[in-house]
Amino acid sequence: MIRKATLADRPRIYEVRHAVRENRLSRSSEAKVDQVTDWIFANGSFWVWDEDSAVQGFAVADSRDGTIFGLFIYPDYESRGIGRALLPKACEDLRAAGFTVAKLTTGAGTRAERFYRTNGWEETGRQDDGQIIFQKSL
């Protein structure tokens, strides 16, 4: 079931985020992620996939800059179409905020890269650290 997250879901969202096999969160990024997460919980929405009485995945957009801030699935629930179901919800939030294009970054050579390419996202460049910059019209 897809639903908007509540603050009670935040601990499980963190569990999902830290359980992923790729695009792992670095220690140096944790404070920034916490700050953005605080803002989104106060002003936006996390979309979650709730199954077996727990959040198993989430998608979230940052409507301040038009980015997909995160799309993560708990490893035991990967390859079930959860990401394909959740991502449009985050994109709808960006569209509602007035954006016509969504942007995101992800690591090169990852499952995430293949996922975004397969789902119509276009590479527009690379960051200095090699992360791929993708965008998609909304």
N, C-alpha and C. Protein backbone atom coordinates (compact mmCIF):
# COMPACT_ATOMS: atom_id res chain seq x y z
N MET A 1 0.83 -1.17 0.00
CA MET A 1 0.00 0.00 0.00
C MET A 1 0.89 1.25 0.00
N ILE A 2 0.57 2.20 -0.83
CA ILE A 2 1.27 3.48 -0.87
C ILE A 2 0.47 4.47 -0.04
N ARG A 3 1.20 5.20 0.80
CA ARG A 3 0.57 6.23 1.62
C ARG A 3 1.62 7.28 1.96
N LYS A 4 1.14 8.41 2.46
CA LYS A 4 2.06 9.43 2.96
C LYS A 4 2.59 8.98 4.31
N ALA A 5 3.86 9.25 4.53
CA ALA A 5 4.49 8.88 5.79
C ALA A 5 4.04 9.82 6.90
N THR A 6 4.10 9.30 8.11
CA THR A 6 3.90 10.09 9.31
C THR A 6 5.23 10.15 10.06
N LEU A 7 5.31 11.01 11.04
CA LEU A 7 6.53 11.08 11.84
C LEU A 7 6.85 9.75 12.50
N ALA A 8 5.82 8.96 12.79
CA ALA A 8 6.05 7.64 13.40
C ALA A 8 6.81 6.72 12.47
N ASP A 9 6.79 6.99 11.16
CA ASP A 9 7.50 6.17 10.18
C ASP A 9 8.98 6.54 10.06
N ARG A 10 9.37 7.66 10.62
CA ARG A 10 10.74 8.14 10.43
C ARG A 10 11.82 7.13 10.83
N PRO A 11 11.71 6.46 11.98
CA PRO A 11 12.75 5.47 12.31
C PRO A 11 12.87 4.36 11.26
N ARG A 12 11.75 3.89 10.74
CA ARG A 12 11.82 2.83 9.73
C ARG A 12 12.34 3.37 8.41
N ILE A 13 12.03 4.60 8.07
CA ILE A 13 12.58 5.21 6.86
C ILE A 13 14.11 5.23 6.96
N TYR A 14 14.63 5.58 8.12
CA TYR A 14 16.07 5.56 8.33
C TYR A 14 16.62 4.13 8.21
N GLU A 15 15.90 3.17 8.74
CA GLU A 15 16.34 1.77 8.61
C GLU A 15 16.44 1.37 7.15
N VAL A 16 15.43 1.71 6.38
CA VAL A 16 15.43 1.39 4.94
C VAL A 16 16.61 2.08 4.27
N ARG A 17 16.80 3.37 4.57
CA ARG A 17 17.89 4.14 3.94
C ARG A 17 19.26 3.54 4.25
N HIS A 18 19.45 3.06 5.46
CA HIS A 18 20.76 2.53 5.84
C HIS A 18 20.94 1.05 5.47
N ALA A 19 19.87 0.39 5.04
CA ALA A 19 19.96 -1.03 4.69
C ALA A 19 20.34 -1.26 3.23
N VAL A 20 20.26 -0.23 2.39
CA VAL A 20 20.48 -0.41 0.96
C VAL A 20 21.90 -0.88 0.67
N ARG A 21 22.04 -1.58 -0.43
CA ARG A 21 23.33 -2.15 -0.82
C ARG A 21 24.17 -1.18 -1.65
N GLU A 22 23.50 -0.29 -2.37
CA GLU A 22 24.18 0.70 -3.20
C GLU A 22 23.77 2.10 -2.74
N ASN A 23 24.53 3.09 -3.18
CA ASN A 23 24.24 4.48 -2.83
C ASN A 23 24.11 4.65 -1.32
N ARG A 24 25.04 4.05 -0.63
CA ARG A 24 25.04 4.11 0.84
C ARG A 24 25.33 5.53 1.31
N LEU A 25 24.74 5.89 2.40
CA LEU A 25 24.89 7.22 2.96
C LEU A 25 26.23 7.32 3.69
N SER A 26 27.02 8.31 3.32
CA SER A 26 28.32 8.51 3.99
C SER A 26 28.11 9.27 5.29
N ARG A 27 29.02 9.08 6.20
CA ARG A 27 28.97 9.78 7.49
C ARG A 27 28.95 11.30 7.28
N SER A 28 29.70 11.77 6.30
CA SER A 28 29.79 13.21 6.06
C SER A 28 28.48 13.78 5.51
N SER A 29 27.62 12.95 4.96
CA SER A 29 26.35 13.42 4.40
C SER A 29 25.18 13.33 5.37
N GLU A 30 25.36 12.64 6.48
CA GLU A 30 24.24 12.38 7.39
C GLU A 30 23.61 13.66 7.94
N ALA A 31 24.39 14.64 8.34
CA ALA A 31 23.83 15.88 8.90
C ALA A 31 22.98 16.61 7.87
N LYS A 32 23.48 16.69 6.63
CA LYS A 32 22.71 17.37 5.58
C LYS A 32 21.42 16.62 5.30
N VAL A 33 21.49 15.31 5.24
CA VAL A 33 20.30 14.50 5.00
C VAL A 33 19.29 14.70 6.13
N ASP A 34 19.75 14.75 7.36
CA ASP A 34 18.86 14.99 8.50
C ASP A 34 18.17 16.35 8.38
N GLN A 35 18.90 17.38 7.97
CA GLN A 35 18.32 18.71 7.84
C GLN A 35 17.25 18.74 6.74
N VAL A 36 17.55 18.14 5.61
CA VAL A 36 16.57 18.11 4.51
C VAL A 36 15.36 17.28 4.92
N THR A 37 15.60 16.16 5.59
CA THR A 37 14.51 15.32 6.05
C THR A 37 13.60 16.08 7.01
N ASP A 38 14.18 16.83 7.93
CA ASP A 38 13.38 17.65 8.85
C ASP A 38 12.49 18.60 8.07
N TRP A 39 13.08 19.28 7.08
CA TRP A 39 12.31 20.25 6.29
C TRP A 39 11.18 19.55 5.53
N ILE A 40 11.48 18.42 4.92
CA ILE A 40 10.44 17.73 4.14
C ILE A 40 9.32 17.23 5.04
N PHE A 41 9.65 16.69 6.19
CA PHE A 41 8.58 16.25 7.09
C PHE A 41 7.72 17.43 7.52
N ALA A 42 8.30 18.61 7.67
CA ALA A 42 7.54 19.79 8.09
C ALA A 42 6.77 20.43 6.94
N ASN A 43 7.28 20.30 5.71
CA ASN A 43 6.71 21.07 4.60
C ASN A 43 6.30 20.26 3.37
N GLY A 44 6.68 19.02 3.30
CA GLY A 44 6.39 18.20 2.12
C GLY A 44 5.86 16.85 2.54
N SER A 45 6.23 15.84 1.76
CA SER A 45 5.76 14.50 2.11
C SER A 45 6.73 13.44 1.65
N PHE A 46 6.82 12.43 2.46
CA PHE A 46 7.48 11.19 2.10
C PHE A 46 6.37 10.24 1.67
N TRP A 47 6.56 9.55 0.58
CA TRP A 47 5.63 8.51 0.15
C TRP A 47 6.25 7.18 0.52
N VAL A 48 5.48 6.33 1.17
CA VAL A 48 6.01 5.05 1.62
C VAL A 48 5.20 3.89 1.07
N TRP A 49 5.89 2.78 0.92
CA TRP A 49 5.28 1.50 0.58
C TRP A 49 5.20 0.72 1.89
N ASP A 50 3.99 0.45 2.32
CA ASP A 50 3.76 -0.25 3.58
C ASP A 50 3.29 -1.66 3.26
N GLU A 51 4.07 -2.63 3.71
CA GLU A 51 3.75 -4.04 3.47
C GLU A 51 4.28 -4.85 4.65
N ASP A 52 3.56 -5.88 5.01
CA ASP A 52 3.95 -6.72 6.14
C ASP A 52 4.12 -5.88 7.41
N SER A 53 3.22 -4.91 7.57
CA SER A 53 3.16 -4.05 8.77
C SER A 53 4.39 -3.18 8.97
N ALA A 54 5.08 -2.84 7.88
CA ALA A 54 6.25 -1.97 7.99
C ALA A 54 6.50 -1.25 6.67
N VAL A 55 7.16 -0.10 6.76
CA VAL A 55 7.61 0.61 5.57
C VAL A 55 8.72 -0.21 4.93
N GLN A 56 8.56 -0.52 3.64
CA GLN A 56 9.56 -1.30 2.91
C GLN A 56 10.25 -0.49 1.82
N GLY A 57 9.79 0.73 1.60
CA GLY A 57 10.40 1.60 0.62
C GLY A 57 9.82 3.00 0.74
N PHE A 58 10.55 3.96 0.19
CA PHE A 58 10.04 5.33 0.22
C PHE A 58 10.57 6.12 -0.97
N ALA A 59 9.82 7.15 -1.32
CA ALA A 59 10.22 8.12 -2.34
C ALA A 59 9.92 9.50 -1.78
N VAL A 60 10.80 10.43 -2.07
CA VAL A 60 10.62 11.77 -1.54
C VAL A 60 11.26 12.79 -2.48
N ALA A 61 10.56 13.91 -2.65
CA ALA A 61 11.05 14.99 -3.49
C ALA A 61 11.32 16.21 -2.61
N ASP A 62 12.26 17.02 -3.02
CA ASP A 62 12.53 18.28 -2.35
C ASP A 62 11.95 19.37 -3.24
N SER A 63 10.82 19.91 -2.83
CA SER A 63 10.11 20.89 -3.65
C SER A 63 10.75 22.27 -3.62
N ARG A 64 11.85 22.43 -2.87
CA ARG A 64 12.58 23.70 -2.91
C ARG A 64 13.44 23.81 -4.15
N ASP A 65 13.95 22.66 -4.64
CA ASP A 65 14.88 22.73 -5.78
C ASP A 65 14.52 21.80 -6.93
N GLY A 66 13.39 21.10 -6.83
CA GLY A 66 12.94 20.26 -7.94
C GLY A 66 13.66 18.94 -8.07
N THR A 67 14.23 18.45 -6.96
CA THR A 67 14.97 17.19 -7.03
C THR A 67 14.21 16.05 -6.36
N ILE A 68 14.49 14.87 -6.87
CA ILE A 68 14.08 13.65 -6.18
C ILE A 68 15.16 13.43 -5.13
N PHE A 69 14.79 13.59 -3.88
CA PHE A 69 15.74 13.51 -2.78
C PHE A 69 16.09 12.07 -2.44
N GLY A 70 15.15 11.17 -2.67
CA GLY A 70 15.44 9.78 -2.37
C GLY A 70 14.39 8.83 -2.89
N LEU A 71 14.86 7.66 -3.29
CA LEU A 71 14.01 6.53 -3.66
C LEU A 71 14.79 5.29 -3.22
N PHE A 72 14.32 4.68 -2.15
CA PHE A 72 15.04 3.55 -1.57
C PHE A 72 14.07 2.45 -1.18
N ILE A 73 14.48 1.23 -1.43
CA ILE A 73 13.67 0.05 -1.14
C ILE A 73 14.48 -0.87 -0.24
N TYR A 74 13.82 -1.40 0.79
CA TYR A 74 14.48 -2.34 1.68
C TYR A 74 14.94 -3.54 0.84
N PRO A 75 16.17 -4.02 1.01
CA PRO A 75 16.72 -5.05 0.12
C PRO A 75 15.85 -6.29 -0.08
N ASP A 76 15.16 -6.76 0.95
CA ASP A 76 14.32 -7.94 0.81
C ASP A 76 13.11 -7.70 -0.09
N TYR A 77 12.82 -6.44 -0.43
CA TYR A 77 11.64 -6.09 -1.22
C TYR A 77 12.00 -5.52 -2.59
N GLU A 78 13.26 -5.57 -2.95
CA GLU A 78 13.70 -5.08 -4.27
C GLU A 78 13.12 -5.94 -5.39
N SER A 79 13.08 -5.36 -6.57
CA SER A 79 12.66 -6.04 -7.81
C SER A 79 11.21 -6.51 -7.77
N ARG A 80 10.38 -5.76 -7.07
CA ARG A 80 8.94 -6.07 -7.01
C ARG A 80 8.09 -4.96 -7.62
N GLY A 81 8.73 -3.94 -8.20
CA GLY A 81 7.99 -2.83 -8.79
C GLY A 81 7.64 -1.72 -7.80
N ILE A 82 8.17 -1.79 -6.60
CA ILE A 82 7.85 -0.79 -5.59
C ILE A 82 8.40 0.58 -5.99
N GLY A 83 9.63 0.63 -6.46
CA GLY A 83 10.21 1.90 -6.90
C GLY A 83 9.43 2.52 -8.04
N ARG A 84 9.02 1.71 -9.00
CA ARG A 84 8.23 2.22 -10.13
C ARG A 84 6.88 2.74 -9.67
N ALA A 85 6.35 2.19 -8.59
CA ALA A 85 5.06 2.65 -8.06
C ALA A 85 5.22 3.92 -7.23
N LEU A 86 6.32 4.04 -6.48
CA LEU A 86 6.51 5.19 -5.60
C LEU A 86 7.00 6.44 -6.31
N LEU A 87 7.91 6.30 -7.26
CA LEU A 87 8.55 7.46 -7.89
C LEU A 87 7.55 8.45 -8.48
N PRO A 88 6.49 8.01 -9.15
CA PRO A 88 5.53 8.99 -9.69
C PRO A 88 4.89 9.87 -8.61
N LYS A 89 4.74 9.36 -7.41
CA LYS A 89 4.17 10.17 -6.33
C LYS A 89 5.10 11.33 -5.99
N ALA A 90 6.39 11.08 -5.89
CA ALA A 90 7.35 12.14 -5.62
C ALA A 90 7.38 13.13 -6.77
N CYS A 91 7.29 12.63 -8.00
CA CYS A 91 7.26 13.52 -9.17
C CYS A 91 6.00 14.39 -9.17
N GLU A 92 4.88 13.83 -8.74
CA GLU A 92 3.64 14.61 -8.63
C GLU A 92 3.81 15.76 -7.64
N ASP A 93 4.53 15.53 -6.56
CA ASP A 93 4.78 16.60 -5.59
C ASP A 93 5.57 17.73 -6.24
N LEU A 94 6.55 17.40 -7.07
CA LEU A 94 7.32 18.44 -7.76
C LEU A 94 6.46 19.19 -8.76
N ARG A 95 5.63 18.46 -9.49
CA ARG A 95 4.73 19.10 -10.45
C ARG A 95 3.79 20.07 -9.72
N ALA A 96 3.25 19.64 -8.59
CA ALA A 96 2.34 20.48 -7.80
C ALA A 96 3.05 21.73 -7.26
N ALA A 97 4.36 21.63 -7.07
CA ALA A 97 5.16 22.77 -6.60
C ALA A 97 5.55 23.71 -7.74
N GLY A 98 5.15 23.38 -8.97
CA GLY A 98 5.40 24.26 -10.10
C GLY A 98 6.57 23.89 -10.98
N PHE A 99 7.20 22.76 -10.72
CA PHE A 99 8.33 22.34 -11.55
C PHE A 99 7.83 21.62 -12.80
N THR A 100 8.55 21.78 -13.89
CA THR A 100 8.23 21.07 -15.13
C THR A 100 9.25 19.98 -15.43
N VAL A 101 10.34 19.99 -14.67
CA VAL A 101 11.41 19.00 -14.83
C VAL A 101 11.84 18.55 -13.44
N ALA A 102 12.02 17.26 -13.29
CA ALA A 102 12.57 16.69 -12.05
C ALA A 102 14.03 16.35 -12.30
N LYS A 103 14.85 16.51 -11.28
CA LYS A 103 16.27 16.19 -11.38
C LYS A 103 16.66 15.26 -10.24
N LEU A 104 17.74 14.52 -10.45
CA LEU A 104 18.30 13.67 -9.39
C LEU A 104 19.71 13.29 -9.77
N THR A 105 20.44 12.77 -8.80
CA THR A 105 21.77 12.24 -9.07
C THR A 105 21.86 10.83 -8.51
N THR A 106 22.70 10.03 -9.14
CA THR A 106 22.94 8.67 -8.65
C THR A 106 24.30 8.20 -9.13
N GLY A 107 24.78 7.18 -8.49
CA GLY A 107 26.09 6.64 -8.83
C GLY A 107 26.10 5.95 -10.18
N ALA A 108 27.23 6.04 -10.86
CA ALA A 108 27.41 5.37 -12.14
C ALA A 108 27.60 3.88 -11.92
N GLY A 109 27.06 3.08 -12.84
CA GLY A 109 27.23 1.64 -12.79
C GLY A 109 26.38 0.95 -11.74
N THR A 110 25.37 1.62 -11.22
CA THR A 110 24.53 1.06 -10.18
C THR A 110 23.20 0.56 -10.74
N ARG A 111 22.50 -0.20 -9.93
CA ARG A 111 21.13 -0.61 -10.30
C ARG A 111 20.26 0.62 -10.46
N ALA A 112 20.49 1.63 -9.61
CA ALA A 112 19.72 2.86 -9.70
C ALA A 112 19.90 3.53 -11.07
N GLU A 113 21.14 3.56 -11.55
CA GLU A 113 21.37 4.14 -12.87
C GLU A 113 20.54 3.41 -13.92
N ARG A 114 20.59 2.10 -13.89
CA ARG A 114 19.81 1.31 -14.87
C ARG A 114 18.32 1.56 -14.71
N PHE A 115 17.85 1.64 -13.47
CA PHE A 115 16.44 1.89 -13.19
C PHE A 115 16.00 3.21 -13.82
N TYR A 116 16.74 4.28 -13.57
CA TYR A 116 16.33 5.58 -14.10
C TYR A 116 16.40 5.63 -15.62
N ARG A 117 17.43 5.06 -16.19
CA ARG A 117 17.52 5.03 -17.66
C ARG A 117 16.33 4.26 -18.25
N THR A 118 16.02 3.12 -17.68
CA THR A 118 14.91 2.29 -18.17
C THR A 118 13.58 3.01 -18.03
N ASN A 119 13.47 3.89 -17.05
CA ASN A 119 12.21 4.56 -16.79
C ASN A 119 12.14 5.97 -17.35
N GLY A 120 12.95 6.24 -18.39
CA GLY A 120 12.82 7.47 -19.15
C GLY A 120 13.57 8.68 -18.66
N TRP A 121 14.45 8.53 -17.70
CA TRP A 121 15.25 9.65 -17.24
C TRP A 121 16.44 9.83 -18.18
N GLU A 122 16.80 11.08 -18.44
CA GLU A 122 17.89 11.39 -19.37
C GLU A 122 19.10 11.93 -18.62
N GLU A 123 20.27 11.41 -18.96
CA GLU A 123 21.50 11.92 -18.37
C GLU A 123 21.80 13.29 -18.96
N THR A 124 22.09 14.25 -18.06
CA THR A 124 22.40 15.61 -18.51
C THR A 124 23.81 16.04 -18.15
N GLY A 125 24.54 15.18 -17.43
CA GLY A 125 25.90 15.52 -17.07
C GLY A 125 26.40 14.66 -15.92
N ARG A 126 27.58 15.02 -15.45
CA ARG A 126 28.21 14.32 -14.32
C ARG A 126 28.71 15.36 -13.33
N GLN A 127 28.62 15.02 -12.07
CA GLN A 127 29.22 15.85 -11.03
C GLN A 127 30.71 15.52 -10.96
N ASP A 128 31.46 16.35 -10.27
CA ASP A 128 32.89 16.14 -10.12
C ASP A 128 33.22 14.79 -9.51
N ASP A 129 32.33 14.29 -8.65
CA ASP A 129 32.57 13.00 -7.99
C ASP A 129 32.10 11.81 -8.83
N GLY A 130 31.64 12.06 -10.07
CA GLY A 130 31.22 10.98 -10.96
C GLY A 130 29.74 10.66 -10.92
N GLN A 131 29.02 11.26 -9.98
CA GLN A 131 27.58 11.02 -9.91
C GLN A 131 26.93 11.49 -11.22
N ILE A 132 25.99 10.68 -11.69
CA ILE A 132 25.26 11.03 -12.91
C ILE A 132 24.11 11.97 -12.55
N ILE A 133 23.95 13.01 -13.33
CA ILE A 133 22.82 13.93 -13.18
C ILE A 133 21.76 13.52 -14.19
N PHE A 134 20.58 13.22 -13.71
CA PHE A 134 19.45 12.83 -14.56
C PHE A 134 18.35 13.88 -14.44
N GLN A 135 17.55 13.96 -15.50
CA GLN A 135 16.34 14.78 -15.43
C GLN A 135 15.24 14.10 -16.24
N LYS A 136 14.01 14.50 -15.91
CA LYS A 136 12.85 13.96 -16.61
C LYS A 136 11.77 15.02 -16.60
N SER A 137 11.14 15.21 -17.76
CA SER A 137 10.01 16.15 -17.85
C SER A 137 8.85 15.61 -17.05
N LEU A 138 8.17 16.53 -16.39
CA LEU A 138 7.02 16.14 -15.57
C LEU A 138 5.71 16.33 -16.31
